[in-house]
Each structure stands twice: as structure tokens, then as C-alpha cells.
Amino acid sequence: MTFEISEDCRYLESHEWIRSDEGTARVGITDFAQDELGDVVFVELPAAGDELVAGEAFGVVESIKAVSDVYAPVDGTVTAVNDALFDEPELVNEDPFGEGWMLAVEVEREPDELLSPDAYRDQIE
């Protein structure tokens, strides 16, 4: 099976993505991650204003198969949360790089360890 890998994102080995745009970034989980989880039924996310620490869990995704922590790809402050996920958690499955985004973050520092699209593709193949 071929998974979507957005070329304008960087990735964590734990299957989160980040798309940066002038100091603000969106964060979510990858197509591979949502496929592994199965049907997402619940998403727990931090509130706007909360601080993220790169590599630490910031939320939980619950599916019919498993409960999984979601990890921060960067240090930063949450500026927005995708409230649509509380009523429609399935958006994570349907459009992980679009409507299924989780957080917007004001980025303090982007770690060097983030994977390029090619490196992430190599990891999941």
C-alpha cells in the first residue's frame, strides 16, 4: 500500500507531521499513522496557550484498535486547536494532511532531527 506523504512537511519517527509557514506551524499525524490506528473515535488535544516541548506527548488519539499518544515535533506555544476534531474525529482518517490537522503552533525552535519527506518515506517502506 502507498501512503500519502506531503512534500511540504517534515516528520517525526513517531509519525507526526509539521508544516511551517512564517513562524507558525500546523501539526497532525501522518496517513501511515491513521491507517495503523484504524477508525479514529476520539481526539484529546491541549488548549490554546499551552506550551509544547519537542518529543513530549501533547495529546491522545483513540481508535477502535488502540489509544496512542501524539508527540510534539517542536517547542512552541499552541495558538489554535482544530475544534472540528472533537465532533468529527474521523477527519484524522479522511484527510490527515488537511482537515484532520490537530494544532497550530507558534514555533520557538525546529529540531534538526525532523525527517525530510524522503527520509520518512524510507522509514515506512
C-alpha atoms as a PDB file:
ATOM      1  CA  MET A   1       0.000   0.000   0.000  1.00  0.00           C
ATOM      2  CA  THR A   2       1.206   3.505  -0.822  1.00  0.00           C
ATOM      3  CA  PHE A   3       0.702   6.217   1.768  1.00  0.00           C
ATOM      4  CA  GLU A   4       0.381   9.939   1.145  1.00  0.00           C
ATOM      5  CA  ILE A   5       3.488  11.846   2.193  1.00  0.00           C
ATOM      6  CA  SER A   6       3.172  15.605   1.913  1.00  0.00           C
ATOM      7  CA  GLU A   7       6.288  17.124   0.365  1.00  0.00           C
ATOM      8  CA  ASP A   8       5.872  20.414   2.280  1.00  0.00           C
ATOM      9  CA  CYS A   9       6.037  18.755   5.718  1.00  0.00           C
ATOM     10  CA  ARG A  10       8.753  17.406   7.989  1.00  0.00           C
ATOM     11  CA  TYR A  11       8.199  14.329  10.119  1.00  0.00           C
ATOM     12  CA  LEU A  12       8.892  12.651  13.441  1.00  0.00           C
ATOM     13  CA  GLU A  13       9.806   8.962  13.538  1.00  0.00           C
ATOM     14  CA  SER A  14       6.644   8.558  15.665  1.00  0.00           C
ATOM     15  CA  HIS A  15       4.517   9.583  12.616  1.00  0.00           C
ATOM     16  CA  GLU A  16       3.596  13.195  13.350  1.00  0.00           C
ATOM     17  CA  TRP A  17       3.982  15.878  10.682  1.00  0.00           C
ATOM     18  CA  ILE A  18       4.634  19.608  10.851  1.00  0.00           C
ATOM     19  CA  ARG A  19       4.063  22.179   8.103  1.00  0.00           C
ATOM     20  CA  SER A  20       5.743  25.513   8.874  1.00  0.00           C
ATOM     21  CA  ASP A  21       4.665  28.864   7.489  1.00  0.00           C
ATOM     22  CA  GLU A  22       6.455  32.002   8.725  1.00  0.00           C
ATOM     23  CA  GLY A  23       6.843  31.128  12.408  1.00  0.00           C
ATOM     24  CA  THR A  24       3.513  29.326  12.739  1.00  0.00           C
ATOM     25  CA  ALA A  25       3.109  25.644  12.024  1.00  0.00           C
ATOM     26  CA  ARG A  26       0.332  23.111  11.761  1.00  0.00           C
ATOM     27  CA  VAL A  27       0.760  19.695  13.341  1.00  0.00           C
ATOM     28  CA  GLY A  28      -1.019  16.386  12.771  1.00  0.00           C
ATOM     29  CA  ILE A  29      -0.460  12.670  12.331  1.00  0.00           C
ATOM     30  CA  THR A  30       0.502  11.052   9.056  1.00  0.00           C
ATOM     31  CA  ASP A  31      -1.529   8.977   6.626  1.00  0.00           C
ATOM     32  CA  PHE A  32       0.528   5.944   7.727  1.00  0.00           C
ATOM     33  CA  ALA A  33      -0.306   6.601  11.408  1.00  0.00           C
ATOM     34  CA  GLN A  34      -4.041   6.991  10.849  1.00  0.00           C
ATOM     35  CA  ASP A  35      -4.051   3.786   8.784  1.00  0.00           C
ATOM     36  CA  GLU A  36      -2.242   1.871  11.550  1.00  0.00           C
ATOM     37  CA  LEU A  37      -4.681   3.190  14.162  1.00  0.00           C
ATOM     38  CA  GLY A  38      -7.833   2.389  12.228  1.00  0.00           C
ATOM     39  CA  ASP A  39     -11.055   4.358  12.685  1.00  0.00           C
ATOM     40  CA  VAL A  40     -10.369   7.311  14.993  1.00  0.00           C
ATOM     41  CA  VAL A  41     -13.198   7.786  17.512  1.00  0.00           C
ATOM     42  CA  PHE A  42     -11.755  10.366  19.943  1.00  0.00           C
ATOM     43  CA  VAL A  43      -9.037  13.022  19.994  1.00  0.00           C
ATOM     44  CA  GLU A  44      -7.693  14.731  23.128  1.00  0.00           C
ATOM     45  CA  LEU A  45      -5.714  17.910  22.483  1.00  0.00           C
ATOM     46  CA  PRO A  46      -4.170  20.691  24.584  1.00  0.00           C
ATOM     47  CA  ALA A  47      -5.698  24.162  24.836  1.00  0.00           C
ATOM     48  CA  ALA A  48      -4.566  27.309  23.057  1.00  0.00           C
ATOM     49  CA  GLY A  49      -1.807  28.880  25.138  1.00  0.00           C
ATOM     50  CA  ASP A  50      -0.358  25.541  26.288  1.00  0.00           C
ATOM     51  CA  GLU A  51       3.377  25.018  25.802  1.00  0.00           C
ATOM     52  CA  LEU A  52       4.737  22.121  23.740  1.00  0.00           C
ATOM     53  CA  VAL A  53       8.127  20.509  24.234  1.00  0.00           C
ATOM     54  CA  ALA A  54       9.626  18.704  21.250  1.00  0.00           C
ATOM     55  CA  GLY A  55       9.450  14.941  21.691  1.00  0.00           C
ATOM     56  CA  GLU A  56       6.913  15.031  24.531  1.00  0.00           C
ATOM     57  CA  ALA A  57       3.304  13.847  24.260  1.00  0.00           C
ATOM     58  CA  PHE A  58       0.738  16.614  23.790  1.00  0.00           C
ATOM     59  CA  GLY A  59      -2.421  14.617  23.190  1.00  0.00           C
ATOM     60  CA  VAL A  60      -4.103  11.300  22.590  1.00  0.00           C
ATOM     61  CA  VAL A  61      -5.773   9.697  19.592  1.00  0.00           C
ATOM     62  CA  GLU A  62      -8.167   6.863  20.358  1.00  0.00           C
ATOM     63  CA  SER A  63      -9.292   4.457  17.670  1.00  0.00           C
ATOM     64  CA  ILE A  64     -11.304   1.266  17.579  1.00  0.00           C
ATOM     65  CA  LYS A  65      -7.953  -0.597  17.789  1.00  0.00           C
ATOM     66  CA  ALA A  66      -5.762   1.415  20.161  1.00  0.00           C
ATOM     67  CA  VAL A  67      -5.051   4.516  22.193  1.00  0.00           C
ATOM     68  CA  SER A  68      -1.932   6.342  21.085  1.00  0.00           C
ATOM     69  CA  ASP A  69      -0.041   9.373  22.361  1.00  0.00           C
ATOM     70  CA  VAL A  70       0.715  12.166  19.902  1.00  0.00           C
ATOM     71  CA  TYR A  71       4.136  13.819  20.194  1.00  0.00           C
ATOM     72  CA  ALA A  72       5.201  17.413  19.627  1.00  0.00           C
ATOM     73  CA  PRO A  73       7.598  17.855  16.717  1.00  0.00           C
ATOM     74  CA  VAL A  74       8.742  21.272  18.020  1.00  0.00           C
ATOM     75  CA  ASP A  75       8.986  23.519  21.054  1.00  0.00           C
ATOM     76  CA  GLY A  76       6.300  26.173  20.938  1.00  0.00           C
ATOM     77  CA  THR A  77       3.006  27.620  22.101  1.00  0.00           C
ATOM     78  CA  VAL A  78      -0.341  26.271  20.895  1.00  0.00           C
ATOM     79  CA  THR A  79      -2.131  29.110  19.096  1.00  0.00           C
ATOM     80  CA  ALA A  80      -5.142  27.136  17.848  1.00  0.00           C
ATOM     81  CA  VAL A  81      -6.729  23.716  18.157  1.00  0.00           C
ATOM     82  CA  ASN A  82      -8.784  22.063  15.412  1.00  0.00           C
ATOM     83  CA  ASP A  83     -12.113  22.058  17.295  1.00  0.00           C
ATOM     84  CA  ALA A  84     -13.771  20.176  14.417  1.00  0.00           C
ATOM     85  CA  LEU A  85     -11.977  17.017  15.600  1.00  0.00           C
ATOM     86  CA  PHE A  86     -13.969  16.937  18.835  1.00  0.00           C
ATOM     87  CA  ASP A  87     -17.207  16.385  16.884  1.00  0.00           C
ATOM     88  CA  GLU A  88     -15.667  14.691  13.824  1.00  0.00           C
ATOM     89  CA  PRO A  89     -12.542  12.750  14.898  1.00  0.00           C
ATOM     90  CA  GLU A  90     -12.827  10.766  11.663  1.00  0.00           C
ATOM     91  CA  LEU A  91     -11.335  13.795   9.843  1.00  0.00           C
ATOM     92  CA  VAL A  92      -7.962  12.453  11.022  1.00  0.00           C
ATOM     93  CA  ASN A  93      -8.624   9.341   8.887  1.00  0.00           C
ATOM     94  CA  GLU A  94     -10.246  11.113   5.959  1.00  0.00           C
ATOM     95  CA  ASP A  95      -7.777  13.978   5.450  1.00  0.00           C
ATOM     96  CA  PRO A  96      -4.726  13.701   7.757  1.00  0.00           C
ATOM     97  CA  PHE A  97      -2.750  16.470   5.982  1.00  0.00           C
ATOM     98  CA  GLY A  98      -5.739  18.792   5.519  1.00  0.00           C
ATOM     99  CA  GLU A  99      -8.958  18.987   7.534  1.00  0.00           C
ATOM    100  CA  GLY A 100      -7.539  16.449  10.018  1.00  0.00           C
ATOM    101  CA  TRP A 101      -4.800  18.792  11.313  1.00  0.00           C
ATOM    102  CA  MET A 102      -4.607  18.964  15.114  1.00  0.00           C
ATOM    103  CA  LEU A 103      -2.787  22.089  16.299  1.00  0.00           C
ATOM    104  CA  ALA A 104      -1.395  25.392  15.155  1.00  0.00           C
ATOM    105  CA  VAL A 105       1.814  26.254  16.990  1.00  0.00           C
ATOM    106  CA  GLU A 106       3.974  29.345  17.314  1.00  0.00           C
ATOM    107  CA  VAL A 107       7.336  27.693  16.811  1.00  0.00           C
ATOM    108  CA  GLU A 108      10.222  28.563  19.122  1.00  0.00           C
ATOM    109  CA  ARG A 109      12.712  26.100  17.684  1.00  0.00           C
ATOM    110  CA  GLU A 110      12.513  23.465  14.978  1.00  0.00           C
ATOM    111  CA  PRO A 111      14.730  20.499  15.886  1.00  0.00           C
ATOM    112  CA  ASP A 112      17.300  19.207  13.427  1.00  0.00           C
ATOM    113  CA  GLU A 113      16.091  15.641  13.935  1.00  0.00           C
ATOM    114  CA  LEU A 114      12.890  16.140  11.924  1.00  0.00           C
ATOM    115  CA  LEU A 115      12.782  13.850   8.900  1.00  0.00           C
ATOM    116  CA  SER A 116      12.534  15.025   5.316  1.00  0.00           C
ATOM    117  CA  PRO A 117       9.705  13.558   3.202  1.00  0.00           C
ATOM    118  CA  ASP A 118      12.221  11.168   1.576  1.00  0.00           C
ATOM    119  CA  ALA A 119      13.647  10.028   4.929  1.00  0.00           C
ATOM    120  CA  TYR A 120      10.140   9.462   6.295  1.00  0.00           C
ATOM    121  CA  ARG A 121       9.191   7.523   3.143  1.00  0.00           C
ATOM    122  CA  ASP A 122      12.254   5.301   3.666  1.00  0.00           C
ATOM    123  CA  GLN A 123      11.204   4.687   7.291  1.00  0.00           C
ATOM    124  CA  ILE A 124       7.707   3.428   6.479  1.00  0.00           C
ATOM    125  CA  GLU A 125       8.541   1.386   3.378  1.00  0.00           C
END
